Amino acid sequence: MVPVSYYLALAAILFALGALGVLIRRNAIIIFMSIELMLNAANLLFVAFARSFESLDGQIYVFFVIAVAAAEVAVGLALIVTIFRTKHSIDIDELSSMKG
């Protein structure tokens, strides 16, 4: 059996990569992919701790996180497509002109 500390280290690395992607990149699609990577890191920890404590609660949380992530992707991609149609670019720096 793999120790929980290995899963914790892997999740920390994945979360850090996702956070760096959100902070460094300017492409909206890459930012959404980085957010999904961070959510998957949290899901990995939920499942690892649920398995170590022999409980199904963590896997139930993962199910809801995946459902929320799917809804977030659907709405986010719809917004990106709409912005791309009007501005012909999905660069985040150019979206600051949308402030009212």
C-alpha atoms as a PDB file:
ATOM      1  CA  MET A   1       0.000   0.000   0.000  1.00  0.00           C
ATOM      2  CA  VAL A   2       1.312   3.439  -0.931  1.00  0.00           C
ATOM      3  CA  PRO A   3       1.671   5.853   2.018  1.00  0.00           C
ATOM      4  CA  VAL A   4      -0.586   8.888   2.138  1.00  0.00           C
ATOM      5  CA  SER A   5       2.462  11.152   2.236  1.00  0.00           C
ATOM      6  CA  TYR A   6       3.234  10.240  -1.388  1.00  0.00           C
ATOM      7  CA  TYR A   7      -0.241  11.305  -2.446  1.00  0.00           C
ATOM      8  CA  LEU A   8       0.154  14.468  -0.402  1.00  0.00           C
ATOM      9  CA  ALA A   9       3.424  15.308  -2.155  1.00  0.00           C
ATOM     10  CA  LEU A  10       1.971  14.594  -5.601  1.00  0.00           C
ATOM     11  CA  ALA A  11      -1.102  16.713  -4.863  1.00  0.00           C
ATOM     12  CA  ALA A  12       1.096  19.563  -3.599  1.00  0.00           C
ATOM     13  CA  ILE A  13       3.162  19.463  -6.794  1.00  0.00           C
ATOM     14  CA  LEU A  14       0.046  19.403  -8.989  1.00  0.00           C
ATOM     15  CA  PHE A  15      -1.535  22.245  -7.023  1.00  0.00           C
ATOM     16  CA  ALA A  16       1.651  24.320  -7.239  1.00  0.00           C
ATOM     17  CA  LEU A  17       1.840  23.775 -11.008  1.00  0.00           C
ATOM     18  CA  GLY A  18      -1.785  24.835 -11.333  1.00  0.00           C
ATOM     19  CA  ALA A  19      -1.246  27.929  -9.213  1.00  0.00           C
ATOM     20  CA  LEU A  20       1.809  28.885 -11.271  1.00  0.00           C
ATOM     21  CA  GLY A  21      -0.223  28.431 -14.442  1.00  0.00           C
ATOM     22  CA  VAL A  22      -2.911  30.776 -13.159  1.00  0.00           C
ATOM     23  CA  LEU A  23      -0.395  33.397 -12.053  1.00  0.00           C
ATOM     24  CA  ILE A  24       1.998  33.300 -15.000  1.00  0.00           C
ATOM     25  CA  ARG A  25      -0.072  32.582 -18.109  1.00  0.00           C
ATOM     26  CA  ARG A  26      -2.201  35.144 -19.954  1.00  0.00           C
ATOM     27  CA  ASN A  27      -4.202  32.748 -22.127  1.00  0.00           C
ATOM     28  CA  ALA A  28      -7.719  32.182 -20.753  1.00  0.00           C
ATOM     29  CA  ILE A  29      -7.845  28.529 -21.823  1.00  0.00           C
ATOM     30  CA  ILE A  30      -4.522  27.771 -20.095  1.00  0.00           C
ATOM     31  CA  ILE A  31      -5.819  29.480 -16.962  1.00  0.00           C
ATOM     32  CA  PHE A  32      -8.923  27.289 -16.995  1.00  0.00           C
ATOM     33  CA  MET A  33      -6.758  24.199 -17.455  1.00  0.00           C
ATOM     34  CA  SER A  34      -4.635  25.295 -14.482  1.00  0.00           C
ATOM     35  CA  ILE A  35      -7.729  25.714 -12.322  1.00  0.00           C
ATOM     36  CA  GLU A  36      -8.823  22.210 -13.304  1.00  0.00           C
ATOM     37  CA  LEU A  37      -5.371  20.919 -12.338  1.00  0.00           C
ATOM     38  CA  MET A  38      -5.734  22.498  -8.898  1.00  0.00           C
ATOM     39  CA  LEU A  39      -9.198  20.953  -8.464  1.00  0.00           C
ATOM     40  CA  ASN A  40      -7.818  17.549  -9.442  1.00  0.00           C
ATOM     41  CA  ALA A  41      -5.049  17.921  -6.854  1.00  0.00           C
ATOM     42  CA  ALA A  42      -7.707  18.489  -4.207  1.00  0.00           C
ATOM     43  CA  ASN A  43      -9.658  15.491  -5.517  1.00  0.00           C
ATOM     44  CA  LEU A  44      -6.556  13.318  -5.246  1.00  0.00           C
ATOM     45  CA  LEU A  45      -6.222  14.244  -1.578  1.00  0.00           C
ATOM     46  CA  PHE A  46      -9.905  13.606  -0.903  1.00  0.00           C
ATOM     47  CA  VAL A  47      -9.630  10.108  -2.346  1.00  0.00           C
ATOM     48  CA  ALA A  48      -6.305   9.362  -0.631  1.00  0.00           C
ATOM     49  CA  PHE A  49      -7.562  10.375   2.792  1.00  0.00           C
ATOM     50  CA  ALA A  50     -10.880   8.589   2.257  1.00  0.00           C
ATOM     51  CA  ARG A  51      -8.990   5.400   1.444  1.00  0.00           C
ATOM     52  CA  SER A  52      -6.643   5.746   4.410  1.00  0.00           C
ATOM     53  CA  PHE A  53      -9.535   6.337   6.837  1.00  0.00           C
ATOM     54  CA  GLU A  54     -11.691   3.708   5.091  1.00  0.00           C
ATOM     55  CA  SER A  55     -14.577   6.117   4.577  1.00  0.00           C
ATOM     56  CA  LEU A  56     -16.607   7.006   1.502  1.00  0.00           C
ATOM     57  CA  ASP A  57     -17.057  10.655   2.446  1.00  0.00           C
ATOM     58  CA  GLY A  58     -14.018  11.808   0.474  1.00  0.00           C
ATOM     59  CA  GLN A  59     -15.207  10.066  -2.671  1.00  0.00           C
ATOM     60  CA  ILE A  60     -18.626  11.704  -2.326  1.00  0.00           C
ATOM     61  CA  TYR A  61     -16.912  15.099  -2.111  1.00  0.00           C
ATOM     62  CA  VAL A  62     -14.915  14.262  -5.221  1.00  0.00           C
ATOM     63  CA  PHE A  63     -18.126  13.510  -7.100  1.00  0.00           C
ATOM     64  CA  PHE A  64     -19.514  16.936  -6.233  1.00  0.00           C
ATOM     65  CA  VAL A  65     -16.237  18.712  -7.028  1.00  0.00           C
ATOM     66  CA  ILE A  66     -16.160  17.067 -10.452  1.00  0.00           C
ATOM     67  CA  ALA A  67     -19.771  18.120 -11.081  1.00  0.00           C
ATOM     68  CA  VAL A  68     -19.001  21.720 -10.113  1.00  0.00           C
ATOM     69  CA  ALA A  69     -15.837  21.674 -12.237  1.00  0.00           C
ATOM     70  CA  ALA A  70     -17.808  20.460 -15.255  1.00  0.00           C
ATOM     71  CA  ALA A  71     -20.310  23.280 -14.818  1.00  0.00           C
ATOM     72  CA  GLU A  72     -17.462  25.766 -14.407  1.00  0.00           C
ATOM     73  CA  VAL A  73     -15.850  24.577 -17.622  1.00  0.00           C
ATOM     74  CA  ALA A  74     -19.116  24.811 -19.545  1.00  0.00           C
ATOM     75  CA  VAL A  75     -19.776  28.375 -18.412  1.00  0.00           C
ATOM     76  CA  GLY A  76     -16.131  29.415 -18.728  1.00  0.00           C
ATOM     77  CA  LEU A  77     -15.744  28.092 -22.250  1.00  0.00           C
ATOM     78  CA  ALA A  78     -19.002  29.761 -23.288  1.00  0.00           C
ATOM     79  CA  LEU A  79     -17.629  33.062 -21.986  1.00  0.00           C
ATOM     80  CA  ILE A  80     -14.305  32.524 -23.743  1.00  0.00           C
ATOM     81  CA  VAL A  81     -16.023  31.774 -27.056  1.00  0.00           C
ATOM     82  CA  THR A  82     -18.193  34.882 -26.721  1.00  0.00           C
ATOM     83  CA  ILE A  83     -15.204  37.069 -25.887  1.00  0.00           C
ATOM     84  CA  PHE A  84     -13.198  35.587 -28.766  1.00  0.00           C
ATOM     85  CA  ARG A  85     -16.006  36.366 -31.205  1.00  0.00           C
ATOM     86  CA  THR A  86     -16.076  40.024 -30.185  1.00  0.00           C
ATOM     87  CA  LYS A  87     -12.383  40.738 -29.546  1.00  0.00           C
ATOM     88  CA  HIS A  88     -10.689  38.076 -31.760  1.00  0.00           C
ATOM     89  CA  SER A  89      -8.308  37.324 -28.900  1.00  0.00           C
ATOM     90  CA  ILE A  90      -8.465  35.538 -25.557  1.00  0.00           C
ATOM     91  CA  ASP A  91      -5.542  37.370 -23.973  1.00  0.00           C
ATOM     92  CA  ILE A  92      -6.396  38.245 -20.366  1.00  0.00           C
ATOM     93  CA  ASP A  93      -4.624  41.613 -20.530  1.00  0.00           C
ATOM     94  CA  GLU A  94      -6.994  42.765 -23.258  1.00  0.00           C
ATOM     95  CA  LEU A  95     -10.051  41.841 -21.182  1.00  0.00           C
ATOM     96  CA  SER A  96      -9.394  44.623 -18.698  1.00  0.00           C
ATOM     97  CA  SER A  97     -11.146  46.961 -21.133  1.00  0.00           C
ATOM     98  CA  MET A  98     -14.413  45.241 -20.178  1.00  0.00           C
ATOM     99  CA  LYS A  99     -14.480  47.005 -16.803  1.00  0.00           C
ATOM    100  CA  GLY A 100     -17.483  49.281 -16.474  1.00  0.00           C
END
